Amino acid sequence: MAGAGWSVAVVEKAQFPRRKVCGEFLSATTVPILARLGLEATYH
């Protein structure tokens, strides 16, 4: 939304970086979203 010109506020209670209970696997089906955000190369 910020990249599309919307004004955005994000409220996050934890300080990053933080560990979290999670399987941590990200399917290939989500990589196009990372590409849209300009993060595909960084992620890989």
PDB file of all heavy atoms in Angstrom:
ATOM      1  N   MET A   1       0.818  -1.207   0.000  1.00  0.00           N
ATOM      2  CA  MET A   1       0.000   0.000   0.000  1.00  0.00           C
ATOM      3  C   MET A   1       0.856   1.263   0.000  1.00  0.00           C
ATOM      4  O   MET A   1       0.563   2.228  -0.716  1.00  0.00           O
ATOM      5  CB  MET A   1      -0.956  -0.026   1.189  1.00  0.00           C
ATOM      6  CG  MET A   1      -1.944  -1.173   1.135  1.00  0.00           C
ATOM      7  SD  MET A   1      -3.351  -0.997   2.245  1.00  0.00           S
ATOM      8  CE  MET A   1      -4.275   0.312   1.439  1.00  0.00           C
ATOM      9  N   ALA A   2       1.920   1.277   0.779  1.00  0.00           N
ATOM     10  CA  ALA A   2       2.802   2.444   0.776  1.00  0.00           C
ATOM     11  C   ALA A   2       3.428   2.627  -0.604  1.00  0.00           C
ATOM     12  O   ALA A   2       3.552   3.758  -1.092  1.00  0.00           O
ATOM     13  CB  ALA A   2       3.872   2.290   1.851  1.00  0.00           C
ATOM     14  N   GLY A   3       3.813   1.521  -1.224  1.00  0.00           N
ATOM     15  CA  GLY A   3       4.395   1.603  -2.556  1.00  0.00           C
ATOM     16  C   GLY A   3       3.420   2.104  -3.604  1.00  0.00           C
ATOM     17  O   GLY A   3       3.834   2.635  -4.642  1.00  0.00           O
ATOM     18  N   ALA A   4       2.108   1.943  -3.340  1.00  0.00           N
ATOM     19  CA  ALA A   4       1.081   2.406  -4.268  1.00  0.00           C
ATOM     20  C   ALA A   4       0.576   3.804  -3.926  1.00  0.00           C
ATOM     21  O   ALA A   4      -0.373   4.284  -4.549  1.00  0.00           O
ATOM     22  CB  ALA A   4      -0.088   1.422  -4.281  1.00  0.00           C
ATOM     23  N   GLY A   5       1.166   4.445  -2.925  1.00  0.00           N
ATOM     24  CA  GLY A   5       0.823   5.819  -2.617  1.00  0.00           C
ATOM     25  C   GLY A   5      -0.152   6.032  -1.486  1.00  0.00           C
ATOM     26  O   GLY A   5      -0.559   7.171  -1.234  1.00  0.00           O
ATOM     27  N   TRP A   6      -0.542   4.966  -0.780  1.00  0.00           N
ATOM     28  CA  TRP A   6      -1.431   5.123   0.366  1.00  0.00           C
ATOM     29  C   TRP A   6      -0.603   5.572   1.579  1.00  0.00           C
ATOM     30  O   TRP A   6       0.564   5.197   1.726  1.00  0.00           O
ATOM     31  CB  TRP A   6      -2.120   3.808   0.699  1.00  0.00           C
ATOM     32  CG  TRP A   6      -2.996   3.238  -0.372  1.00  0.00           C
ATOM     33  CD1 TRP A   6      -2.588   2.730  -1.581  1.00  0.00           C
ATOM     34  CD2 TRP A   6      -4.415   3.093  -0.333  1.00  0.00           C
ATOM     35  NE1 TRP A   6      -3.667   2.273  -2.289  1.00  0.00           N
ATOM     36  CE2 TRP A   6      -4.814   2.476  -1.550  1.00  0.00           C
ATOM     37  CE3 TRP A   6      -5.390   3.404   0.608  1.00  0.00           C
ATOM     38  CZ2 TRP A   6      -6.135   2.179  -1.852  1.00  0.00           C
ATOM     39  CZ3 TRP A   6      -6.712   3.105   0.310  1.00  0.00           C
ATOM     40  CH2 TRP A   6      -7.084   2.508  -0.902  1.00  0.00           C
ATOM     41  N   SER A   7      -1.234   6.327   2.475  1.00  0.00           N
ATOM     42  CA  SER A   7      -0.570   6.662   3.741  1.00  0.00           C
ATOM     43  C   SER A   7      -0.848   5.538   4.733  1.00  0.00           C
ATOM     44  O   SER A   7      -1.996   5.137   4.937  1.00  0.00           O
ATOM     45  CB  SER A   7      -1.067   7.997   4.284  1.00  0.00           C
ATOM     46  OG  SER A   7      -2.461   7.988   4.517  1.00  0.00           O
ATOM     47  N   VAL A   8       0.211   5.007   5.338  1.00  0.00           N
ATOM     48  CA  VAL A   8       0.131   3.765   6.105  1.00  0.00           C
ATOM     49  C   VAL A   8       0.837   3.930   7.445  1.00  0.00           C
ATOM     50  O   VAL A   8       1.946   4.464   7.515  1.00  0.00           O
ATOM     51  CB  VAL A   8       0.784   2.600   5.330  1.00  0.00           C
ATOM     52  CG1 VAL A   8       0.734   1.309   6.143  1.00  0.00           C
ATOM     53  CG2 VAL A   8       0.131   2.412   3.971  1.00  0.00           C
ATOM     54  N   ALA A   9       0.198   3.426   8.510  1.00  0.00           N
ATOM     55  CA  ALA A   9       0.844   3.308   9.818  1.00  0.00           C
ATOM     56  C   ALA A   9       0.815   1.841  10.228  1.00  0.00           C
ATOM     57  O   ALA A   9      -0.223   1.181  10.117  1.00  0.00           O
ATOM     58  CB  ALA A   9       0.127   4.149  10.864  1.00  0.00           C
ATOM     59  N   VAL A  10       1.944   1.328  10.674  1.00  0.00           N
ATOM     60  CA  VAL A  10       2.042  -0.059  11.151  1.00  0.00           C
ATOM     61  C   VAL A  10       2.427  -0.021  12.624  1.00  0.00           C
ATOM     62  O   VAL A  10       3.434   0.601  12.991  1.00  0.00           O
ATOM     63  CB  VAL A  10       3.078  -0.865  10.353  1.00  0.00           C
ATOM     64  CG1 VAL A  10       3.162  -2.292  10.883  1.00  0.00           C
ATOM     65  CG2 VAL A  10       2.749  -0.861   8.862  1.00  0.00           C
ATOM     66  N   VAL A  11       1.638  -0.698  13.453  1.00  0.00           N
ATOM     67  CA  VAL A  11       1.898  -0.767  14.895  1.00  0.00           C
ATOM     68  C   VAL A  11       2.348  -2.189  15.222  1.00  0.00           C
ATOM     69  O   VAL A  11       1.582  -3.142  15.038  1.00  0.00           O
ATOM     70  CB  VAL A  11       0.647  -0.394  15.712  1.00  0.00           C
ATOM     71  CG1 VAL A  11       0.941  -0.477  17.206  1.00  0.00           C
ATOM     72  CG2 VAL A  11       0.151   1.000  15.337  1.00  0.00           C
ATOM     73  N   GLU A  12       3.559  -2.342  15.684  1.00  0.00           N
ATOM     74  CA  GLU A  12       4.118  -3.662  16.009  1.00  0.00           C
ATOM     75  C   GLU A  12       4.661  -3.640  17.436  1.00  0.00           C
ATOM     76  O   GLU A  12       5.500  -2.801  17.774  1.00  0.00           O
ATOM     77  CB  GLU A  12       5.227  -4.026  15.022  1.00  0.00           C
ATOM     78  CG  GLU A  12       6.064  -5.234  15.416  1.00  0.00           C
ATOM     79  CD  GLU A  12       5.250  -6.498  15.690  1.00  0.00           C
ATOM     80  OE1 GLU A  12       4.405  -6.860  14.848  1.00  0.00           O
ATOM     81  OE2 GLU A  12       5.458  -7.100  16.769  1.00  0.00           O
ATOM     82  N   LYS A  13       4.190  -4.576  18.260  1.00  0.00           N
ATOM     83  CA  LYS A  13       4.552  -4.541  19.679  1.00  0.00           C
ATOM     84  C   LYS A  13       5.923  -5.121  19.987  1.00  0.00           C
ATOM     85  O   LYS A  13       6.508  -4.809  21.028  1.00  0.00           O
ATOM     86  CB  LYS A  13       3.496  -5.283  20.503  1.00  0.00           C
ATOM     87  CG  LYS A  13       3.460  -6.778  20.276  1.00  0.00           C
ATOM     88  CD  LYS A  13       2.429  -7.437  21.174  1.00  0.00           C
ATOM     89  CE  LYS A  13       2.414  -8.942  21.000  1.00  0.00           C
ATOM     90  NZ  LYS A  13       1.413  -9.577  21.878  1.00  0.00           N
ATOM     91  N   ALA A  14       6.451  -5.995  19.122  1.00  0.00           N
ATOM     92  CA  ALA A  14       7.738  -6.639  19.391  1.00  0.00           C
ATOM     93  C   ALA A  14       8.873  -5.862  18.757  1.00  0.00           C
ATOM     94  O   ALA A  14       8.703  -5.176  17.753  1.00  0.00           O
ATOM     95  CB  ALA A  14       7.729  -8.069  18.861  1.00  0.00           C
ATOM     96  N   GLN A  15      10.045  -5.974  19.368  1.00  0.00           N
ATOM     97  CA  GLN A  15      11.245  -5.386  18.794  1.00  0.00           C
ATOM     98  C   GLN A  15      11.879  -6.423  17.867  1.00  0.00           C
ATOM     99  O   GLN A  15      12.053  -7.580  18.250  1.00  0.00           O
ATOM    100  CB  GLN A  15      12.226  -4.987  19.897  1.00  0.00           C
ATOM    101  CG  GLN A  15      13.448  -4.230  19.394  1.00  0.00           C
ATOM    102  CD  GLN A  15      13.093  -2.855  18.853  1.00  0.00           C
ATOM    103  OE1 GLN A  15      12.516  -2.036  19.554  1.00  0.00           O
ATOM    104  NE2 GLN A  15      13.435  -2.604  17.592  1.00  0.00           N
ATOM    105  N   PHE A  16      12.201  -6.034  16.644  1.00  0.00           N
ATOM    106  CA  PHE A  16      12.862  -6.944  15.705  1.00  0.00           C
ATOM    107  C   PHE A  16      14.371  -6.716  15.777  1.00  0.00           C
ATOM    108  O   PHE A  16      14.815  -5.608  16.102  1.00  0.00           O
ATOM    109  CB  PHE A  16      12.370  -6.684  14.286  1.00  0.00           C
ATOM    110  CG  PHE A  16      10.943  -7.092  14.025  1.00  0.00           C
ATOM    111  CD1 PHE A  16      10.351  -6.846  12.788  1.00  0.00           C
ATOM    112  CD2 PHE A  16      10.176  -7.693  15.007  1.00  0.00           C
ATOM    113  CE1 PHE A  16       9.040  -7.210  12.532  1.00  0.00           C
ATOM    114  CE2 PHE A  16       8.854  -8.053  14.766  1.00  0.00           C
ATOM    115  CZ  PHE A  16       8.290  -7.812  13.507  1.00  0.00           C
ATOM    116  N   PRO A  17      15.168  -7.727  15.468  1.00  0.00           N
ATOM    117  CA  PRO A  17      14.771  -9.083  15.097  1.00  0.00           C
ATOM    118  C   PRO A  17      14.259  -9.876  16.295  1.00  0.00           C
ATOM    119  O   PRO A  17      14.699  -9.660  17.422  1.00  0.00           O
ATOM    120  CB  PRO A  17      16.056  -9.693  14.551  1.00  0.00           C
ATOM    121  CG  PRO A  17      17.150  -8.939  15.235  1.00  0.00           C
ATOM    122  CD  PRO A  17      16.639  -7.548  15.432  1.00  0.00           C
ATOM    123  N   ARG A  18      13.321 -10.780  16.019  1.00  0.00           N
ATOM    124  CA  ARG A  18      12.771 -11.625  17.077  1.00  0.00           C
ATOM    125  C   ARG A  18      12.555 -13.039  16.538  1.00  0.00           C
ATOM    126  O   ARG A  18      12.185 -13.232  15.381  1.00  0.00           O
ATOM    127  CB  ARG A  18      11.444 -11.056  17.592  1.00  0.00           C
ATOM    128  CG  ARG A  18      10.384 -10.759  16.525  1.00  0.00           C
ATOM    129  CD  ARG A  18       9.425 -11.907  16.313  1.00  0.00           C
ATOM    130  NE  ARG A  18       8.512 -11.662  15.193  1.00  0.00           N
ATOM    131  CZ  ARG A  18       7.302 -11.180  15.347  1.00  0.00           C
ATOM    132  NH1 ARG A  18       6.855 -10.887  16.544  1.00  0.00           N
ATOM    133  NH2 ARG A  18       6.524 -11.010  14.277  1.00  0.00           N
ATOM    134  N   ARG A  19      12.818 -14.004  17.373  1.00  0.00           N
ATOM    135  CA  ARG A  19      12.490 -15.397  17.037  1.00  0.00           C
ATOM    136  C   ARG A  19      11.021 -15.622  17.348  1.00  0.00           C
ATOM    137  O   ARG A  19      10.443 -14.959  18.201  1.00  0.00           O
ATOM    138  CB  ARG A  19      13.361 -16.363  17.840  1.00  0.00           C
ATOM    139  CG  ARG A  19      14.851 -16.263  17.538  1.00  0.00           C
ATOM    140  CD  ARG A  19      15.627 -17.261  18.383  1.00  0.00           C
ATOM    141  NE  ARG A  19      15.301 -18.631  18.014  1.00  0.00           N
ATOM    142  CZ  ARG A  19      15.324 -19.662  18.863  1.00  0.00           C
ATOM    143  NH1 ARG A  19      15.623 -19.464  20.146  1.00  0.00           N
ATOM    144  NH2 ARG A  19      15.026 -20.883  18.448  1.00  0.00           N
ATOM    145  N   LYS A  20      10.425 -16.582  16.665  1.00  0.00           N
ATOM    146  CA  LYS A  20       8.998 -16.822  16.820  1.00  0.00           C
ATOM    147  C   LYS A  20       8.698 -18.276  16.493  1.00  0.00           C
ATOM    148  O   LYS A  20       9.332 -18.870  15.604  1.00  0.00           O
ATOM    149  CB  LYS A  20       8.213 -15.890  15.880  1.00  0.00           C
ATOM    150  CG  LYS A  20       6.712 -15.881  16.088  1.00  0.00           C
ATOM    151  CD  LYS A  20       6.074 -14.843  15.207  1.00  0.00           C
ATOM    152  CE  LYS A  20       4.555 -14.835  15.343  1.00  0.00           C
ATOM    153  NZ  LYS A  20       4.126 -14.426  16.694  1.00  0.00           N
ATOM    154  N   VAL A  21       7.731 -18.865  17.202  1.00  0.00           N
ATOM    155  CA  VAL A  21       7.309 -20.234  16.908  1.00  0.00           C
ATOM    156  C   VAL A  21       6.695 -20.255  15.518  1.00  0.00           C
ATOM    157  O   VAL A  21       5.686 -19.590  15.251  1.00  0.00           O
ATOM    158  CB  VAL A  21       6.297 -20.744  17.949  1.00  0.00           C
ATOM    159  CG1 VAL A  21       5.770 -22.120  17.546  1.00  0.00           C
ATOM    160  CG2 VAL A  21       6.945 -20.817  19.321  1.00  0.00           C
ATOM    161  N   CYS A  22       7.320 -21.017  14.621  1.00  0.00           N
ATOM    162  CA  CYS A  22       6.903 -21.026  13.226  1.00  0.00           C
ATOM    163  C   CYS A  22       7.691 -22.105  12.505  1.00  0.00           C
ATOM    164  O   CYS A  22       8.852 -22.354  12.847  1.00  0.00           O
ATOM    165  CB  CYS A  22       7.170 -19.659  12.590  1.00  0.00           C
ATOM    166  SG  CYS A  22       6.807 -19.554  10.835  1.00  0.00           S
ATOM    167  N   GLY A  23       7.082 -22.733  11.488  1.00  0.00           N
ATOM    168  CA  GLY A  23       7.802 -23.721  10.703  1.00  0.00           C
ATOM    169  C   GLY A  23       8.861 -23.120   9.805  1.00  0.00           C
ATOM    170  O   GLY A  23       9.787 -23.815   9.374  1.00  0.00           O
ATOM    171  N   GLU A  24       8.724 -21.827   9.457  1.00  0.00           N
ATOM    172  CA  GLU A  24       9.721 -21.025   8.741  1.00  0.00           C
ATOM    173  C   GLU A  24       9.857 -21.361   7.265  1.00  0.00           C
ATOM    174  O   GLU A  24      10.644 -20.740   6.556  1.00  0.00           O
ATOM    175  CB  GLU A  24      11.092 -21.100   9.434  1.00  0.00           C
ATOM    176  CG  GLU A  24      11.023 -20.604  10.875  1.00  0.00           C
ATOM    177  CD  GLU A  24      12.357 -20.547  11.581  1.00  0.00           C
ATOM    178  OE1 GLU A  24      13.160 -21.479  11.403  1.00  0.00           O
ATOM    179  OE2 GLU A  24      12.580 -19.582  12.327  1.00  0.00           O
ATOM    180  N   PHE A  25       9.049 -22.293   6.749  1.00  0.00           N
ATOM    181  CA  PHE A  25       9.110 -22.627   5.325  1.00  0.00           C
ATOM    182  C   PHE A  25       8.216 -21.683   4.544  1.00  0.00           C
ATOM    183  O   PHE A  25       7.090 -21.390   4.944  1.00  0.00           O
ATOM    184  CB  PHE A  25       8.657 -24.072   5.100  1.00  0.00           C
ATOM    185  CG  PHE A  25       8.636 -24.483   3.648  1.00  0.00           C
ATOM    186  CD1 PHE A  25       9.815 -24.722   2.973  1.00  0.00           C
ATOM    187  CD2 PHE A  25       7.434 -24.617   2.962  1.00  0.00           C
ATOM    188  CE1 PHE A  25       9.805 -25.097   1.631  1.00  0.00           C
ATOM    189  CE2 PHE A  25       7.410 -24.996   1.634  1.00  0.00           C
ATOM    190  CZ  PHE A  25       8.602 -25.244   0.964  1.00  0.00           C
ATOM    191  N   LEU A  26       8.709 -21.227   3.411  1.00  0.00           N
ATOM    192  CA  LEU A  26       7.949 -20.343   2.530  1.00  0.00           C
ATOM    193  C   LEU A  26       7.877 -20.989   1.157  1.00  0.00           C
ATOM    194  O   LEU A  26       8.890 -21.183   0.487  1.00  0.00           O
ATOM    195  CB  LEU A  26       8.629 -18.974   2.438  1.00  0.00           C
ATOM    196  CG  LEU A  26       7.847 -17.863   1.749  1.00  0.00           C
ATOM    197  CD1 LEU A  26       6.574 -17.540   2.524  1.00  0.00           C
ATOM    198  CD2 LEU A  26       8.699 -16.608   1.631  1.00  0.00           C
ATOM    199  N   SER A  27       6.659 -21.339   0.734  1.00  0.00           N
ATOM    200  CA  SER A  27       6.469 -22.002  -0.550  1.00  0.00           C
ATOM    201  C   SER A  27       6.866 -21.086  -1.704  1.00  0.00           C
ATOM    202  O   SER A  27       6.821 -19.857  -1.598  1.00  0.00           O
ATOM    203  CB  SER A  27       5.001 -22.418  -0.721  1.00  0.00           C
ATOM    204  OG  SER A  27       4.620 -23.365   0.236  1.00  0.00           O
ATOM    205  N   ALA A  28       7.187 -21.713  -2.836  1.00  0.00           N
ATOM    206  CA  ALA A  28       7.523 -20.946  -4.034  1.00  0.00           C
ATOM    207  C   ALA A  28       6.364 -20.088  -4.503  1.00  0.00           C
ATOM    208  O   ALA A  28       6.563 -19.085  -5.198  1.00  0.00           O
ATOM    209  CB  ALA A  28       7.953 -21.899  -5.150  1.00  0.00           C
ATOM    210  N   THR A  29       5.152 -20.442  -4.110  1.00  0.00           N
ATOM    211  CA  THR A  29       3.975 -19.690  -4.544  1.00  0.00           C
ATOM    212  C   THR A  29       3.924 -18.279  -3.957  1.00  0.00           C
ATOM    213  O   THR A  29       3.137 -17.460  -4.413  1.00  0.00           O
ATOM    214  CB  THR A  29       2.695 -20.445  -4.147  1.00  0.00           C
ATOM    215  OG1 THR A  29       2.738 -20.757  -2.750  1.00  0.00           O
ATOM    216  CG2 THR A  29       2.575 -21.736  -4.924  1.00  0.00           C
ATOM    217  N   THR A  30       4.737 -17.992  -2.966  1.00  0.00           N
ATOM    218  CA  THR A  30       4.765 -16.658  -2.374  1.00  0.00           C
ATOM    219  C   THR A  30       5.907 -15.809  -2.918  1.00  0.00           C
ATOM    220  O   THR A  30       5.935 -14.595  -2.707  1.00  0.00           O
ATOM    221  CB  THR A  30       4.872 -16.767  -0.838  1.00  0.00           C
ATOM    222  OG1 THR A  30       3.847 -17.638  -0.353  1.00  0.00           O
ATOM    223  CG2 THR A  30       4.674 -15.420  -0.152  1.00  0.00           C
ATOM    224  N   VAL A  31       6.828 -16.413  -3.630  1.00  0.00           N
ATOM    225  CA  VAL A  31       7.973 -15.670  -4.159  1.00  0.00           C
ATOM    226  C   VAL A  31       7.554 -14.522  -5.080  1.00  0.00           C
ATOM    227  O   VAL A  31       8.184 -13.449  -5.052  1.00  0.00           O
ATOM    228  CB  VAL A  31       8.956 -16.628  -4.852  1.00  0.00           C
ATOM    229  CG1 VAL A  31      10.075 -15.864  -5.553  1.00  0.00           C
ATOM    230  CG2 VAL A  31       9.552 -17.595  -3.828  1.00  0.00           C
ATOM    231  N   PRO A  32       6.499 -14.652  -5.918  1.00  0.00           N
ATOM    232  CA  PRO A  32       6.096 -13.498  -6.733  1.00  0.00           C
ATOM    233  C   PRO A  32       5.740 -12.264  -5.908  1.00  0.00           C
ATOM    234  O   PRO A  32       5.920 -11.134  -6.375  1.00  0.00           O
ATOM    235  CB  PRO A  32       4.874 -14.029  -7.509  1.00  0.00           C
ATOM    236  CG  PRO A  32       5.108 -15.492  -7.609  1.00  0.00           C
ATOM    237  CD  PRO A  32       5.746 -15.863  -6.306  1.00  0.00           C
ATOM    238  N   ILE A  33       5.235 -12.457  -4.688  1.00  0.00           N
ATOM    239  CA  ILE A  33       4.938 -11.305  -3.835  1.00  0.00           C
ATOM    240  C   ILE A  33       6.239 -10.656  -3.377  1.00  0.00           C
ATOM    241  O   ILE A  33       6.362  -9.422  -3.357  1.00  0.00           O
ATOM    242  CB  ILE A  33       4.073 -11.732  -2.635  1.00  0.00           C
ATOM    243  CG1 ILE A  33       2.747 -12.314  -3.121  1.00  0.00           C
ATOM    244  CG2 ILE A  33       3.834 -10.551  -1.696  1.00  0.00           C
ATOM    245  CD1 ILE A  33       1.866 -12.856  -2.014  1.00  0.00           C
ATOM    246  N   LEU A  34       7.230 -11.470  -3.030  1.00  0.00           N
ATOM    247  CA  LEU A  34       8.539 -10.919  -2.674  1.00  0.00           C
ATOM    248  C   LEU A  34       9.133 -10.153  -3.850  1.00  0.00           C
ATOM    249  O   LEU A  34       9.751  -9.094  -3.672  1.00  0.00           O
ATOM    250  CB  LEU A  34       9.474 -12.044  -2.246  1.00  0.00           C
ATOM    251  CG  LEU A  34       9.143 -12.723  -0.916  1.00  0.00           C
ATOM    252  CD1 LEU A  34       9.953 -14.001  -0.750  1.00  0.00           C
ATOM    253  CD2 LEU A  34       9.404 -11.783   0.253  1.00  0.00           C
ATOM    254  N   ALA A  35       8.932 -10.679  -5.061  1.00  0.00           N
ATOM    255  CA  ALA A  35       9.420  -9.979  -6.243  1.00  0.00           C
ATOM    256  C   ALA A  35       8.719  -8.640  -6.401  1.00  0.00           C
ATOM    257  O   ALA A  35       9.342  -7.632  -6.748  1.00  0.00           O
ATOM    258  CB  ALA A  35       9.213 -10.850  -7.485  1.00  0.00           C
ATOM    259  N   ARG A  36       7.413  -8.620  -6.150  1.00  0.00           N
ATOM    260  CA  ARG A  36       6.650  -7.366  -6.236  1.00  0.00           C
ATOM    261  C   ARG A  36       7.185  -6.331  -5.247  1.00  0.00           C
ATOM    262  O   ARG A  36       7.169  -5.126  -5.520  1.00  0.00           O
ATOM    263  CB  ARG A  36       5.177  -7.671  -5.967  1.00  0.00           C
ATOM    264  CG  ARG A  36       4.238  -6.474  -5.904  1.00  0.00           C
ATOM    265  CD  ARG A  36       4.007  -5.852  -7.276  1.00  0.00           C
ATOM    266  NE  ARG A  36       3.036  -4.779  -7.207  1.00  0.00           N
ATOM    267  CZ  ARG A  36       1.746  -4.908  -7.470  1.00  0.00           C
ATOM    268  NH1 ARG A  36       1.255  -6.089  -7.851  1.00  0.00           N
ATOM    269  NH2 ARG A  36       0.930  -3.885  -7.400  1.00  0.00           N
ATOM    270  N   LEU A  37       7.671  -6.795  -4.110  1.00  0.00           N
ATOM    271  CA  LEU A  37       8.213  -5.905  -3.081  1.00  0.00           C
ATOM    272  C   LEU A  37       9.677  -5.552  -3.320  1.00  0.00           C
ATOM    273  O   LEU A  37      10.261  -4.788  -2.551  1.00  0.00           O
ATOM    274  CB  LEU A  37       8.073  -6.548  -1.699  1.00  0.00           C
ATOM    275  CG  LEU A  37       6.657  -6.876  -1.230  1.00  0.00           C
ATOM    276  CD1 LEU A  37       6.696  -7.557   0.129  1.00  0.00           C
ATOM    277  CD2 LEU A  37       5.805  -5.624  -1.185  1.00  0.00           C
ATOM    278  N   GLY A  38      10.285  -6.142  -4.353  1.00  0.00           N
ATOM    279  CA  GLY A  38      11.694  -5.892  -4.612  1.00  0.00           C
ATOM    280  C   GLY A  38      12.621  -6.661  -3.703  1.00  0.00           C
ATOM    281  O   GLY A  38      13.770  -6.250  -3.494  1.00  0.00           O
ATOM    282  N   LEU A  39      12.149  -7.797  -3.173  1.00  0.00           N
ATOM    283  CA  LEU A  39      12.923  -8.552  -2.180  1.00  0.00           C
ATOM    284  C   LEU A  39      13.292  -9.964  -2.629  1.00  0.00           C
ATOM    285  O   LEU A  39      13.856 -10.722  -1.838  1.00  0.00           O
ATOM    286  CB  LEU A  39      12.135  -8.646  -0.862  1.00  0.00           C
ATOM    287  CG  LEU A  39      11.947  -7.338  -0.097  1.00  0.00           C
ATOM    288  CD1 LEU A  39      10.997  -7.559   1.083  1.00  0.00           C
ATOM    289  CD2 LEU A  39      13.280  -6.791   0.390  1.00  0.00           C
ATOM    290  N   GLU A  40      12.984 -10.325  -3.860  1.00  0.00           N
ATOM    291  CA  GLU A  40      13.218 -11.716  -4.275  1.00  0.00           C
ATOM    292  C   GLU A  40      14.694 -12.086  -4.184  1.00  0.00           C
ATOM    293  O   GLU A  40      15.055 -13.135  -3.635  1.00  0.00           O
ATOM    294  CB  GLU A  40      12.709 -11.942  -5.699  1.00  0.00           C
ATOM    295  CG  GLU A  40      12.898 -13.381  -6.164  1.00  0.00           C
ATOM    296  CD  GLU A  40      12.342 -13.631  -7.560  1.00  0.00           C
ATOM    297  OE1 GLU A  40      11.954 -12.659  -8.232  1.00  0.00           O
ATOM    298  OE2 GLU A  40      12.304 -14.809  -7.970  1.00  0.00           O
ATOM    299  N   ALA A  41      15.569 -11.258  -4.711  1.00  0.00           N
ATOM    300  CA  ALA A  41      16.998 -11.570  -4.685  1.00  0.00           C
ATOM    301  C   ALA A  41      17.522 -11.616  -3.252  1.00  0.00           C
ATOM    302  O   ALA A  41      18.311 -12.502  -2.885  1.00  0.00           O
ATOM    303  CB  ALA A  41      17.773 -10.542  -5.506  1.00  0.00           C
ATOM    304  N   THR A  42      17.071 -10.677  -2.425  1.00  0.00           N
ATOM    305  CA  THR A  42      17.499 -10.647  -1.012  1.00  0.00           C
ATOM    306  C   THR A  42      17.054 -11.917  -0.293  1.00  0.00           C
ATOM    307  O   THR A  42      17.815 -12.505   0.487  1.00  0.00           O
ATOM    308  CB  THR A  42      16.913  -9.414  -0.311  1.00  0.00           C
ATOM    309  OG1 THR A  42      17.309  -8.239  -1.010  1.00  0.00           O
ATOM    310  CG2 THR A  42      17.386  -9.338   1.132  1.00  0.00           C
ATOM    311  N   TYR A  43      15.823 -12.341  -0.559  1.00  0.00           N
ATOM    312  CA  TYR A  43      15.301 -13.557   0.070  1.00  0.00           C
ATOM    313  C   TYR A  43      16.094 -14.786  -0.352  1.00  0.00           C
ATOM    314  O   TYR A  43      16.504 -15.588   0.497  1.00  0.00           O
ATOM    315  CB  TYR A  43      13.825 -13.713  -0.303  1.00  0.00           C
ATOM    316  CG  TYR A  43      13.275 -15.103  -0.104  1.00  0.00           C
ATOM    317  CD1 TYR A  43      13.009 -15.590   1.171  1.00  0.00           C
ATOM    318  CD2 TYR A  43      13.016 -15.924  -1.193  1.00  0.00           C
ATOM    319  CE1 TYR A  43      12.505 -16.862   1.349  1.00  0.00           C
ATOM    320  CE2 TYR A  43      12.510 -17.202  -1.016  1.00  0.00           C
ATOM    321  CZ  TYR A  43      12.256 -17.667   0.246  1.00  0.00           C
ATOM    322  OH  TYR A  43      11.763 -18.923   0.410  1.00  0.00           O
ATOM    323  N   HIS A  44      16.341 -14.939  -1.650  1.00  0.00           N
ATOM    324  CA  HIS A  44      17.060 -16.121  -2.117  1.00  0.00           C
ATOM    325  C   HIS A  44      18.492 -16.147  -1.580  1.00  0.00           C
ATOM    326  O   HIS A  44      19.037 -17.215  -1.294  1.00  0.00           O
ATOM    327  CB  HIS A  44      17.078 -16.159  -3.647  1.00  0.00           C
ATOM    328  CG  HIS A  44      15.791 -16.611  -4.257  1.00  0.00           C
ATOM    329  ND1 HIS A  44      15.183 -17.798  -3.900  1.00  0.00           N
ATOM    330  CD2 HIS A  44      14.986 -16.046  -5.182  1.00  0.00           C
ATOM    331  CE1 HIS A  44      14.067 -17.947  -4.592  1.00  0.00           C
ATOM    332  NE2 HIS A  44      13.916 -16.891  -5.372  1.00  0.00           N
TER     333      HIS A  44
END
